[in-house]
Amino acid sequence: EAVAQGFELELGRLGQSECYFLSLPRELEAKRDFMAKFLSDVGMVPTIPEGGYFMVADWSALGYCCITGDTACISDNKVNLEQETDELKDYRFTKWMSKNVKLQGIPPSAFYSEPHKHLVETSVRYCFIKTDEKLQQAADILQKWKASA
């Protein structure tokens, strides 16, 4: 019944600026665009969603090292996945970022079947339905990390 009451209330507000169904998309679009910008600014390539409140970004342009002797292992790489033991690269990346940069992402391969997990091995999923302060904090964390190279 509580859900029905909420819908009834919002139906009465339909077409007005305080209507949840109108205000939420506007709010999320601004947050989405802000996140896309700060991810791009540090070298990730975000995929801009047309709905929802998650964004996937490709982090491969950051440069990374997976195992000793890896051809991608260059001394100035900022992302060193050697210490992470997970089989999947996106899991290693999200754990490395959590430990070293203090920014939590979601490994998108968790949502893929086994034969397709490789499609997102250099991707990370971030949620942008956060307060503006939290999004700014995430942007600041990434900018500080980028500047430390």
C-alpha atoms as a PDB file:
ATOM      1  CA  GLU A   1       0.000   0.000   0.000  1.00  0.00           C
ATOM      2  CA  ALA A   2       2.853   2.415   0.760  1.00  0.00           C
ATOM      3  CA  VAL A   3       4.139   2.114  -2.802  1.00  0.00           C
ATOM      4  CA  ALA A   4       0.667   2.779  -4.188  1.00  0.00           C
ATOM      5  CA  GLN A   5       0.382   5.898  -2.017  1.00  0.00           C
ATOM      6  CA  GLY A   6       3.700   7.136  -3.367  1.00  0.00           C
ATOM      7  CA  PHE A   7       2.548   6.638  -6.939  1.00  0.00           C
ATOM      8  CA  GLU A   8      -0.743   8.407  -6.223  1.00  0.00           C
ATOM      9  CA  LEU A   9       1.130  11.367  -4.771  1.00  0.00           C
ATOM     10  CA  GLU A  10       3.449  11.570  -7.783  1.00  0.00           C
ATOM     11  CA  LEU A  11       0.577  11.263 -10.251  1.00  0.00           C
ATOM     12  CA  GLY A  12      -0.840  14.430  -8.714  1.00  0.00           C
ATOM     13  CA  ARG A  13       2.511  16.171  -9.263  1.00  0.00           C
ATOM     14  CA  LEU A  14       2.966  14.949 -12.835  1.00  0.00           C
ATOM     15  CA  GLY A  15       4.002  17.830 -15.062  1.00  0.00           C
ATOM     16  CA  GLN A  16       5.249  19.927 -12.133  1.00  0.00           C
ATOM     17  CA  SER A  17       8.907  20.593 -11.380  1.00  0.00           C
ATOM     18  CA  GLU A  18       8.780  18.801  -8.007  1.00  0.00           C
ATOM     19  CA  CYS A  19       7.526  15.593  -9.626  1.00  0.00           C
ATOM     20  CA  TYR A  20       9.978  12.796  -8.816  1.00  0.00           C
ATOM     21  CA  PHE A  21       9.643  11.304 -12.292  1.00  0.00           C
ATOM     22  CA  LEU A  22      10.772  14.603 -13.846  1.00  0.00           C
ATOM     23  CA  SER A  23      13.330  15.766 -11.280  1.00  0.00           C
ATOM     24  CA  LEU A  24      15.251  12.484 -10.958  1.00  0.00           C
ATOM     25  CA  PRO A  25      16.331  12.251 -14.625  1.00  0.00           C
ATOM     26  CA  ARG A  26      17.532  15.885 -14.564  1.00  0.00           C
ATOM     27  CA  GLU A  27      19.480  15.286 -11.369  1.00  0.00           C
ATOM     28  CA  LEU A  28      21.030  12.061 -12.657  1.00  0.00           C
ATOM     29  CA  GLU A  29      21.988  13.563 -16.015  1.00  0.00           C
ATOM     30  CA  ALA A  30      24.081  16.241 -14.298  1.00  0.00           C
ATOM     31  CA  LYS A  31      25.739  13.651 -12.055  1.00  0.00           C
ATOM     32  CA  ARG A  32      26.365  11.343 -15.030  1.00  0.00           C
ATOM     33  CA  ASP A  33      27.972  14.139 -17.040  1.00  0.00           C
ATOM     34  CA  PHE A  34      30.163  15.181 -14.106  1.00  0.00           C
ATOM     35  CA  MET A  35      31.380  11.609 -13.587  1.00  0.00           C
ATOM     36  CA  ALA A  36      32.036  11.141 -17.304  1.00  0.00           C
ATOM     37  CA  LYS A  37      34.179  14.284 -17.282  1.00  0.00           C
ATOM     38  CA  PHE A  38      36.320  13.370 -14.300  1.00  0.00           C
ATOM     39  CA  LEU A  39      36.823   9.806 -15.522  1.00  0.00           C
ATOM     40  CA  SER A  40      37.876  11.168 -18.920  1.00  0.00           C
ATOM     41  CA  ASP A  41      40.167  13.712 -17.278  1.00  0.00           C
ATOM     42  CA  VAL A  42      42.231  10.921 -15.689  1.00  0.00           C
ATOM     43  CA  GLY A  43      42.434   8.882 -18.891  1.00  0.00           C
ATOM     44  CA  MET A  44      39.535   6.453 -18.644  1.00  0.00           C
ATOM     45  CA  VAL A  45      37.033   6.136 -21.491  1.00  0.00           C
ATOM     46  CA  PRO A  46      33.487   6.205 -20.108  1.00  0.00           C
ATOM     47  CA  THR A  47      30.472   4.767 -21.899  1.00  0.00           C
ATOM     48  CA  ILE A  48      27.698   7.309 -21.420  1.00  0.00           C
ATOM     49  CA  PRO A  49      24.497   5.571 -20.289  1.00  0.00           C
ATOM     50  CA  GLU A  50      21.107   6.785 -21.465  1.00  0.00           C
ATOM     51  CA  GLY A  51      19.382   5.482 -18.344  1.00  0.00           C
ATOM     52  CA  GLY A  52      20.109   4.083 -14.915  1.00  0.00           C
ATOM     53  CA  TYR A  53      22.749   5.303 -12.503  1.00  0.00           C
ATOM     54  CA  PHE A  54      25.807   3.220 -13.326  1.00  0.00           C
ATOM     55  CA  MET A  55      28.575   4.046 -15.770  1.00  0.00           C
ATOM     56  CA  VAL A  56      31.119   1.674 -17.267  1.00  0.00           C
ATOM     57  CA  ALA A  57      34.567   2.999 -18.147  1.00  0.00           C
ATOM     58  CA  ASP A  58      37.500   1.412 -19.959  1.00  0.00           C
ATOM     59  CA  TRP A  59      40.677   1.890 -17.934  1.00  0.00           C
ATOM     60  CA  SER A  60      43.162   0.256 -20.329  1.00  0.00           C
ATOM     61  CA  ALA A  61      44.573   3.611 -21.467  1.00  0.00           C
ATOM     62  CA  LEU A  62      45.917   4.147 -17.937  1.00  0.00           C
ATOM     63  CA  GLY A  63      48.613   1.570 -18.609  1.00  0.00           C
ATOM     64  CA  TYR A  64      48.956  -1.379 -16.313  1.00  0.00           C
ATOM     65  CA  CYS A  65      51.209  -4.222 -15.323  1.00  0.00           C
ATOM     66  CA  CYS A  66      49.670  -7.634 -14.678  1.00  0.00           C
ATOM     67  CA  ILE A  67      52.584  -9.993 -14.177  1.00  0.00           C
ATOM     68  CA  THR A  68      56.326  -9.606 -14.088  1.00  0.00           C
ATOM     69  CA  GLY A  69      57.565  -9.586 -17.643  1.00  0.00           C
ATOM     70  CA  ASP A  70      54.187  -8.536 -19.047  1.00  0.00           C
ATOM     71  CA  THR A  71      54.721  -6.601 -22.273  1.00  0.00           C
ATOM     72  CA  ALA A  72      52.362  -3.952 -20.899  1.00  0.00           C
ATOM     73  CA  CYS A  73      54.523  -3.605 -17.787  1.00  0.00           C
ATOM     74  CA  ILE A  74      56.309  -0.311 -18.217  1.00  0.00           C
ATOM     75  CA  SER A  75      58.056   1.305 -15.275  1.00  0.00           C
ATOM     76  CA  ASP A  76      55.943   4.464 -15.340  1.00  0.00           C
ATOM     77  CA  ASN A  77      52.596   2.660 -15.288  1.00  0.00           C
ATOM     78  CA  LYS A  78      50.392   3.836 -12.463  1.00  0.00           C
ATOM     79  CA  VAL A  79      48.326   0.652 -12.217  1.00  0.00           C
ATOM     80  CA  ASN A  80      50.230  -2.395 -11.013  1.00  0.00           C
ATOM     81  CA  LEU A  81      48.036  -5.475 -10.797  1.00  0.00           C
ATOM     82  CA  GLU A  82      50.895  -7.875  -9.990  1.00  0.00           C
ATOM     83  CA  GLN A  83      49.936  -8.229  -6.319  1.00  0.00           C
ATOM     84  CA  GLU A  84      46.272  -8.992  -7.008  1.00  0.00           C
ATOM     85  CA  THR A  85      45.539 -12.695  -7.282  1.00  0.00           C
ATOM     86  CA  ASP A  86      42.100 -12.787  -8.883  1.00  0.00           C
ATOM     87  CA  GLU A  87      41.838 -14.571 -12.204  1.00  0.00           C
ATOM     88  CA  LEU A  88      39.919 -11.762 -13.901  1.00  0.00           C
ATOM     89  CA  LYS A  89      41.630  -8.498 -14.710  1.00  0.00           C
ATOM     90  CA  ASP A  90      38.616  -6.306 -13.878  1.00  0.00           C
ATOM     91  CA  TYR A  91      38.508  -7.822 -10.368  1.00  0.00           C
ATOM     92  CA  ARG A  92      42.242  -7.162  -9.960  1.00  0.00           C
ATOM     93  CA  PHE A  93      41.788  -3.565 -11.094  1.00  0.00           C
ATOM     94  CA  THR A  94      38.906  -2.815  -8.725  1.00  0.00           C
ATOM     95  CA  LYS A  95      40.780  -4.341  -5.789  1.00  0.00           C
ATOM     96  CA  TRP A  96      43.953  -2.448  -6.690  1.00  0.00           C
ATOM     97  CA  MET A  97      42.034   0.840  -6.933  1.00  0.00           C
ATOM     98  CA  SER A  98      40.324   0.202  -3.586  1.00  0.00           C
ATOM     99  CA  LYS A  99      43.604  -0.528  -1.817  1.00  0.00           C
ATOM    100  CA  ASN A 100      45.845   2.038  -3.491  1.00  0.00           C
ATOM    101  CA  VAL A 101      43.619   4.908  -4.593  1.00  0.00           C
ATOM    102  CA  LYS A 102      40.768   4.442  -2.097  1.00  0.00           C
ATOM    103  CA  LEU A 103      38.098   4.476  -4.802  1.00  0.00           C
ATOM    104  CA  GLN A 104      35.681   1.565  -5.077  1.00  0.00           C
ATOM    105  CA  GLY A 105      34.358   0.321  -8.394  1.00  0.00           C
ATOM    106  CA  ILE A 106      32.491  -2.784  -9.461  1.00  0.00           C
ATOM    107  CA  PRO A 107      34.024  -5.438 -11.730  1.00  0.00           C
ATOM    108  CA  PRO A 108      31.527  -5.699 -14.599  1.00  0.00           C
ATOM    109  CA  SER A 109      32.443  -9.285 -15.445  1.00  0.00           C
ATOM    110  CA  ALA A 110      30.351 -10.255 -12.401  1.00  0.00           C
ATOM    111  CA  PHE A 111      27.328  -9.661 -14.630  1.00  0.00           C
ATOM    112  CA  TYR A 112      28.574 -11.722 -17.598  1.00  0.00           C
ATOM    113  CA  SER A 113      28.450 -15.431 -18.318  1.00  0.00           C
ATOM    114  CA  GLU A 114      31.769 -17.275 -18.416  1.00  0.00           C
ATOM    115  CA  PRO A 115      32.304 -17.192 -22.197  1.00  0.00           C
ATOM    116  CA  HIS A 116      31.748 -13.416 -22.287  1.00  0.00           C
ATOM    117  CA  LYS A 117      33.663 -12.164 -19.230  1.00  0.00           C
ATOM    118  CA  HIS A 118      36.658 -11.283 -21.407  1.00  0.00           C
ATOM    119  CA  LEU A 119      34.584  -8.572 -23.108  1.00  0.00           C
ATOM    120  CA  VAL A 120      34.890  -6.323 -20.054  1.00  0.00           C
ATOM    121  CA  GLU A 121      38.335  -7.281 -18.757  1.00  0.00           C
ATOM    122  CA  THR A 122      39.554  -3.674 -18.887  1.00  0.00           C
ATOM    123  CA  SER A 123      36.332  -2.067 -17.691  1.00  0.00           C
ATOM    124  CA  VAL A 124      35.077  -0.857 -14.339  1.00  0.00           C
ATOM    125  CA  ARG A 125      31.545   0.056 -13.271  1.00  0.00           C
ATOM    126  CA  TYR A 126      30.846   3.105 -11.100  1.00  0.00           C
ATOM    127  CA  CYS A 127      27.623   4.317  -9.506  1.00  0.00           C
ATOM    128  CA  PHE A 128      26.787   8.013  -9.859  1.00  0.00           C
ATOM    129  CA  ILE A 129      23.602   8.292  -7.787  1.00  0.00           C
ATOM    130  CA  LYS A 130      25.625   9.877  -4.987  1.00  0.00           C
ATOM    131  CA  THR A 131      25.580  13.253  -3.290  1.00  0.00           C
ATOM    132  CA  ASP A 132      27.384  16.012  -5.149  1.00  0.00           C
ATOM    133  CA  GLU A 133      29.914  16.061  -2.315  1.00  0.00           C
ATOM    134  CA  LYS A 134      30.684  12.344  -2.731  1.00  0.00           C
ATOM    135  CA  LEU A 135      31.072  12.723  -6.495  1.00  0.00           C
ATOM    136  CA  GLN A 136      33.395  15.688  -5.985  1.00  0.00           C
ATOM    137  CA  GLN A 137      35.367  13.643  -3.467  1.00  0.00           C
ATOM    138  CA  ALA A 138      35.754  10.851  -6.058  1.00  0.00           C
ATOM    139  CA  ALA A 139      36.876  13.390  -8.662  1.00  0.00           C
ATOM    140  CA  ASP A 140      39.411  14.852  -6.213  1.00  0.00           C
ATOM    141  CA  ILE A 141      40.754  11.391  -5.330  1.00  0.00           C
ATOM    142  CA  LEU A 142      41.308  10.550  -8.996  1.00  0.00           C
ATOM    143  CA  GLN A 143      42.855  13.945  -9.800  1.00  0.00           C
ATOM    144  CA  LYS A 144      45.259  13.615  -6.870  1.00  0.00           C
ATOM    145  CA  TRP A 145      46.161  10.090  -8.011  1.00  0.00           C
ATOM    146  CA  LYS A 146      46.743  11.280 -11.586  1.00  0.00           C
ATOM    147  CA  ALA A 147      48.929  14.155 -10.403  1.00  0.00           C
ATOM    148  CA  SER A 148      51.091  11.829  -8.298  1.00  0.00           C
ATOM    149  CA  ALA A 149      52.605  10.194 -11.383  1.00  0.00           C
END
